């Protein structure tokens, strides 16, 4: 696992888990998202410091684990140096191979390095982030996913090109709806994860926000996107309680 700017003291630090997409690594995702660290850090610290329910917080730490599965399951583990996965299979149809191991791995990270206030994920990492948020809300195992944790529910999820698993065996992950506030970021020209796939995940969330941009399968970098991200984090962390309901924002840059 890679991380940056480790906390000097645990009580003054908050942590965000960063989950990469299929065929990527933690280091790769860090390179693609490091540009937003300062903006996230500023808005998180501002929101927490202005919230009277919070204690002193002066540091934000980002954790970038790599998946534990080779992106190409036909290759031995040693041949998949920087191409990792959280699971393998068609999200529209299949039971995802390796998903249970990845979930157990993430829960161990939460226990060993947490608590985490939020998760940001891209594509399959976003799908996994939504699943982790849902499981942390449950009081019993779902579809055989065994977990035993004292980690509290997440306070937010940032989902880049996320989607839900459509096999009927996974229906209890998304029902009842996920309560954790989730910002869904969708590229309107994305051909790898379609808009309809991302919107089906959005419909499974009770506290959903949407930012769309004119682009494909990548993390946007515009000022308009960073403004939408800051607004979501500020409203989620800075208020006494997040109001249910959707707000939408479209990136015209």
Protein backbone atom coordinates (compact mmCIF):
# COMPACT_ATOMS: atom_id res chain seq x y z
CA UNK A 1 0.00 0.00 0.00
CA UNK A 2 1.21 3.49 -0.80
CA UNK A 3 0.32 6.62 1.09
CA UNK A 4 1.52 10.19 1.35
CA UNK A 5 1.93 12.70 4.12
CA UNK A 6 1.54 10.26 7.03
CA UNK A 7 -0.21 11.57 10.08
CA UNK A 8 1.97 12.89 12.85
CA UNK A 9 -0.68 12.14 15.46
CA UNK A 10 -3.73 9.95 14.93
CA UNK A 11 -6.31 12.16 16.71
CA UNK A 12 -5.61 15.11 14.37
CA UNK A 13 -5.68 13.12 11.13
CA UNK A 14 -8.48 11.99 8.83
CA UNK A 15 -7.98 9.39 6.11
CA UNK A 16 -9.41 8.75 2.65
CA UNK A 17 -9.13 5.40 0.88
CA UNK A 18 -8.39 5.53 -2.87
CA UNK A 19 -9.37 2.50 -5.01
CA UNK A 20 -8.02 2.15 -8.56
CA UNK A 21 -9.72 0.70 -11.61
CA UNK A 22 -9.26 -2.65 -13.38
CA UNK A 23 -5.77 -3.30 -14.68
CA UNK A 24 -4.27 -0.45 -12.67
CA UNK A 25 -2.44 -0.09 -9.34
CA UNK A 26 -2.47 2.14 -6.31
CA UNK A 27 0.57 4.00 -7.61
CA UNK A 28 -1.08 4.55 -11.00
CA UNK A 29 -4.25 5.92 -9.39
CA UNK A 30 -2.20 8.20 -7.16
CA UNK A 31 -0.56 9.71 -10.24
CA UNK A 32 -3.97 10.29 -11.83
CA UNK A 33 -5.56 11.90 -8.76
CA UNK A 34 -2.74 13.68 -6.96
CA UNK A 35 -3.73 16.95 -8.63
CA UNK A 36 -6.86 17.11 -6.45
CA UNK A 37 -5.16 16.42 -3.09
CA UNK A 38 -4.74 20.06 -2.14
CA UNK A 39 -8.32 20.98 -3.04
CA UNK A 40 -9.71 18.01 -1.10
CA UNK A 41 -7.43 18.69 1.84
CA UNK A 42 -8.53 22.30 2.07
CA UNK A 43 -12.26 21.63 1.91
CA UNK A 44 -12.12 18.65 4.29
CA UNK A 45 -10.17 20.55 6.91
CA UNK A 46 -12.37 23.62 6.55
CA UNK A 47 -15.59 21.61 6.82
CA UNK A 48 -14.42 19.61 9.83
CA UNK A 49 -12.94 22.58 11.66
CA UNK A 50 -16.16 24.57 11.24
CA UNK A 51 -18.36 21.72 12.44
CA UNK A 52 -18.86 22.03 16.21
CA UNK A 53 -19.29 18.27 16.55
CA UNK A 54 -15.71 17.64 15.42
CA UNK A 55 -12.49 17.65 17.33
CA UNK A 56 -9.29 19.23 16.09
CA UNK A 57 -8.20 17.96 12.66
CA UNK A 58 -5.11 19.28 10.89
CA UNK A 59 -4.06 16.56 8.42
CA UNK A 60 -5.66 14.60 5.58
CA UNK A 61 -3.99 11.35 4.52
CA UNK A 62 -4.67 9.45 1.27
CA UNK A 63 -4.18 5.66 1.13
CA UNK A 64 -3.68 3.92 -2.23
CA UNK A 65 -3.76 0.12 -1.96
CA UNK A 66 -3.35 -2.10 -5.01
CA UNK A 67 -5.76 -4.92 -5.76
CA UNK A 68 -4.79 -8.42 -4.70
CA UNK A 69 -5.86 -10.16 -7.94
CA UNK A 70 -4.04 -10.16 -11.29
CA UNK A 71 -6.02 -8.22 -13.88
CA UNK A 72 -5.56 -11.12 -16.28
CA UNK A 73 -6.51 -14.25 -14.31
CA UNK A 74 -4.78 -16.46 -16.91
CA UNK A 75 -1.39 -15.03 -15.97
CA UNK A 76 0.47 -16.12 -12.82
CA UNK A 77 0.50 -13.54 -10.06
CA UNK A 78 4.18 -12.73 -10.57
CA UNK A 79 3.62 -11.67 -14.18
CA UNK A 80 1.08 -8.97 -13.28
CA UNK A 81 3.41 -6.34 -11.89
CA UNK A 82 1.29 -3.18 -12.04
CA UNK A 83 -2.00 -4.52 -13.40
CA UNK A 84 -4.29 -5.52 -10.56
CA UNK A 85 -7.99 -6.11 -10.10
CA UNK A 86 -10.64 -6.26 -7.38
CA UNK A 87 -12.52 -9.03 -9.20
CA UNK A 88 -13.03 -10.64 -12.59
CA UNK A 89 -16.27 -11.12 -14.48
CA UNK A 90 -19.05 -9.33 -16.31
CA UNK A 91 -20.78 -6.91 -13.87
CA UNK A 92 -23.97 -7.13 -15.94
CA UNK A 93 -24.29 -10.91 -15.56
CA UNK A 94 -21.70 -12.76 -13.53
CA UNK A 95 -20.83 -13.67 -9.99
CA UNK A 96 -17.55 -11.76 -9.73
CA UNK A 97 -14.57 -14.01 -9.11
CA UNK A 98 -12.32 -12.81 -6.31
CA UNK A 99 -14.71 -10.15 -5.01
CA UNK A 100 -15.05 -11.73 -1.57
CA UNK A 101 -11.25 -11.82 -1.12
CA UNK A 102 -11.00 -8.16 -2.14
CA UNK A 103 -13.74 -7.17 0.30
CA UNK A 104 -12.00 -9.01 3.13
CA UNK A 105 -8.73 -7.31 2.16
CA UNK A 106 -10.31 -3.85 2.26
CA UNK A 107 -11.91 -4.55 5.63
CA UNK A 108 -8.50 -5.53 7.01
CA UNK A 109 -7.10 -2.24 5.71
CA UNK A 110 -9.93 -0.33 7.37
CA UNK A 111 -9.19 -2.05 10.68
CA UNK A 112 -5.40 -1.73 10.50
CA UNK A 113 -5.09 1.80 9.13
CA UNK A 114 -8.44 3.44 9.88
CA UNK A 115 -10.72 4.87 10.66
CA UNK A 116 -11.39 6.34 7.22
CA UNK A 117 -13.94 9.08 6.65
CA UNK A 118 -14.43 8.34 2.97
CA UNK A 119 -13.50 6.38 -0.14
CA UNK A 120 -12.80 7.55 -3.68
CA UNK A 121 -12.86 4.94 -6.43
CA UNK A 122 -12.56 4.74 -10.21
CA UNK A 123 -14.60 2.29 -12.33
CA UNK A 124 -14.30 -1.13 -10.63
CA UNK A 125 -12.78 0.68 -7.65
CA UNK A 126 -15.91 2.86 -7.52
CA UNK A 127 -18.14 -0.22 -7.69
CA UNK A 128 -16.17 -1.71 -4.79
CA UNK A 129 -16.33 1.57 -2.84
CA UNK A 130 -20.14 1.55 -3.01
CA UNK A 131 -20.20 -2.08 -1.86
CA UNK A 132 -17.91 -1.32 1.09
CA UNK A 133 -20.09 1.65 2.07
CA UNK A 134 -23.19 -0.56 1.94
CA UNK A 135 -21.65 -3.39 3.98
CA UNK A 136 -20.50 -0.98 6.68
CA UNK A 137 -24.14 0.05 7.08
CA UNK A 138 -25.35 -3.55 7.49
CA UNK A 139 -25.69 -5.44 10.74
CA UNK A 140 -25.42 -8.89 9.16
CA UNK A 141 -23.56 -10.59 6.30
CA UNK A 142 -24.88 -10.02 2.77
CA UNK A 143 -24.62 -12.74 0.09
CA UNK A 144 -22.14 -14.66 2.19
CA UNK A 145 -19.73 -11.74 2.55
CA UNK A 146 -18.32 -12.40 6.00
CA UNK A 147 -17.03 -9.36 7.82
CA UNK A 148 -16.36 -8.50 11.42
CA UNK A 149 -15.38 -4.91 12.01
CA UNK A 150 -15.72 -2.08 14.48
CA UNK A 151 -15.11 0.46 11.71
CA UNK A 152 -17.97 2.98 11.55
CA UNK A 153 -19.94 3.66 8.34
CA UNK A 154 -18.21 5.92 5.85
CA UNK A 155 -19.16 9.57 5.69
CA UNK A 156 -18.89 9.85 1.91
CA UNK A 157 -17.99 8.06 -1.32
CA UNK A 158 -16.68 9.67 -4.52
CA UNK A 159 -17.55 7.41 -7.47
CA UNK A 160 -15.82 7.97 -10.83
CA UNK A 161 -17.56 5.92 -13.55
CA UNK A 162 -19.07 3.61 -10.97
CA UNK A 163 -21.62 0.87 -11.56
CA UNK A 164 -23.59 -1.74 -9.65
CA UNK A 165 -23.35 -5.51 -9.91
CA UNK A 166 -26.48 -6.70 -11.70
CA UNK A 167 -26.45 -10.42 -10.91
CA UNK A 168 -29.56 -11.08 -8.74
CA UNK A 169 -27.40 -12.67 -6.04
CA UNK A 170 -26.04 -9.19 -5.23
CA UNK A 171 -29.43 -7.49 -4.85
CA UNK A 172 -29.22 -7.21 -1.05
CA UNK A 173 -26.10 -5.07 -1.35
CA UNK A 174 -28.23 -2.34 -2.90
CA UNK A 175 -31.51 -2.94 -1.08
CA UNK A 176 -32.34 -1.14 1.06
CA UNK A 177 -30.68 1.79 -0.68
CA UNK A 178 -27.16 2.79 0.35
CA UNK A 179 -27.44 5.64 2.85
CA UNK A 180 -23.85 6.90 2.71
CA UNK A 181 -23.69 10.13 0.64
CA UNK A 182 -22.21 9.32 -2.78
CA UNK A 183 -21.09 11.74 -5.47
CA UNK A 184 -21.45 10.04 -8.87
CA UNK A 185 -19.10 11.47 -11.51
CA UNK A 186 -20.07 10.40 -15.03
CA UNK A 187 -18.41 11.03 -18.39
CA UNK A 188 -21.19 11.46 -20.94
CA UNK A 189 -18.97 9.96 -23.69
CA UNK A 190 -17.77 7.01 -21.60
CA UNK A 191 -17.95 3.79 -23.63
CA UNK A 192 -16.38 1.51 -21.01
CA UNK A 193 -18.93 2.21 -18.29
CA UNK A 194 -22.11 3.55 -19.85
CA UNK A 195 -24.14 6.39 -18.41
CA UNK A 196 -27.03 3.98 -17.85
CA UNK A 197 -24.79 1.69 -15.77
CA UNK A 198 -23.69 4.56 -13.54
CA UNK A 199 -27.24 5.85 -13.21
CA UNK A 200 -28.43 2.42 -12.05
CA UNK A 201 -25.92 2.66 -9.20
CA UNK A 202 -27.14 6.17 -8.48
CA UNK A 203 -30.74 4.92 -8.20
CA UNK A 204 -29.58 2.50 -5.51
CA UNK A 205 -28.35 5.37 -3.32
CA UNK A 206 -30.56 7.31 -0.92
CA UNK A 207 -28.18 10.30 -0.74
CA UNK A 208 -26.98 10.71 -4.31
CA UNK A 209 -25.31 13.64 -6.01
CA UNK A 210 -24.37 13.75 -9.69
CA UNK A 211 -21.68 15.59 -11.64
CA UNK A 212 -21.51 14.86 -15.36
CA UNK A 213 -18.78 16.06 -17.72
CA UNK A 214 -18.27 15.96 -21.49
CA UNK A 215 -15.63 13.27 -21.61
CA UNK A 216 -14.80 9.58 -21.59
CA UNK A 217 -13.43 7.05 -19.07
CA UNK A 218 -11.13 9.18 -16.95
CA UNK A 219 -10.95 11.41 -13.87
CA UNK A 220 -11.83 14.97 -14.92
CA UNK A 221 -9.47 17.81 -14.03
CA UNK A 222 -11.51 20.95 -14.70
CA UNK A 223 -12.11 23.76 -12.21
CA UNK A 224 -15.83 23.09 -12.57
CA UNK A 225 -15.33 19.50 -11.42
CA UNK A 226 -13.18 20.54 -8.46
CA UNK A 227 -15.86 23.04 -7.47
CA UNK A 228 -18.55 20.33 -7.57
CA UNK A 229 -16.32 18.01 -5.54
CA UNK A 230 -15.69 20.71 -2.94
CA UNK A 231 -19.40 21.51 -2.68
CA UNK A 232 -20.28 17.86 -2.08
CA UNK A 233 -17.60 17.33 0.58
CA UNK A 234 -18.45 20.59 2.32
CA UNK A 235 -22.17 19.79 2.45
CA UNK A 236 -21.51 16.23 3.61
CA UNK A 237 -18.94 16.91 6.33
CA UNK A 238 -19.85 20.42 7.35
CA UNK A 239 -23.52 20.01 8.13
CA UNK A 240 -25.22 18.58 11.18
CA UNK A 241 -26.89 16.06 8.90
CA UNK A 242 -26.87 15.44 5.18
CA UNK A 243 -30.27 16.08 3.62
CA UNK A 244 -31.58 13.24 1.50
CA UNK A 245 -32.20 13.94 -2.15
CA UNK A 246 -30.30 14.58 -5.35
CA UNK A 247 -28.54 17.61 -6.70
CA UNK A 248 -27.14 17.61 -10.20
CA UNK A 249 -24.30 19.51 -11.79
CA UNK A 250 -23.14 19.38 -15.40
CA UNK A 251 -19.57 20.25 -16.41
CA UNK A 252 -19.71 22.39 -19.53
CA UNK A 253 -15.98 23.12 -19.64
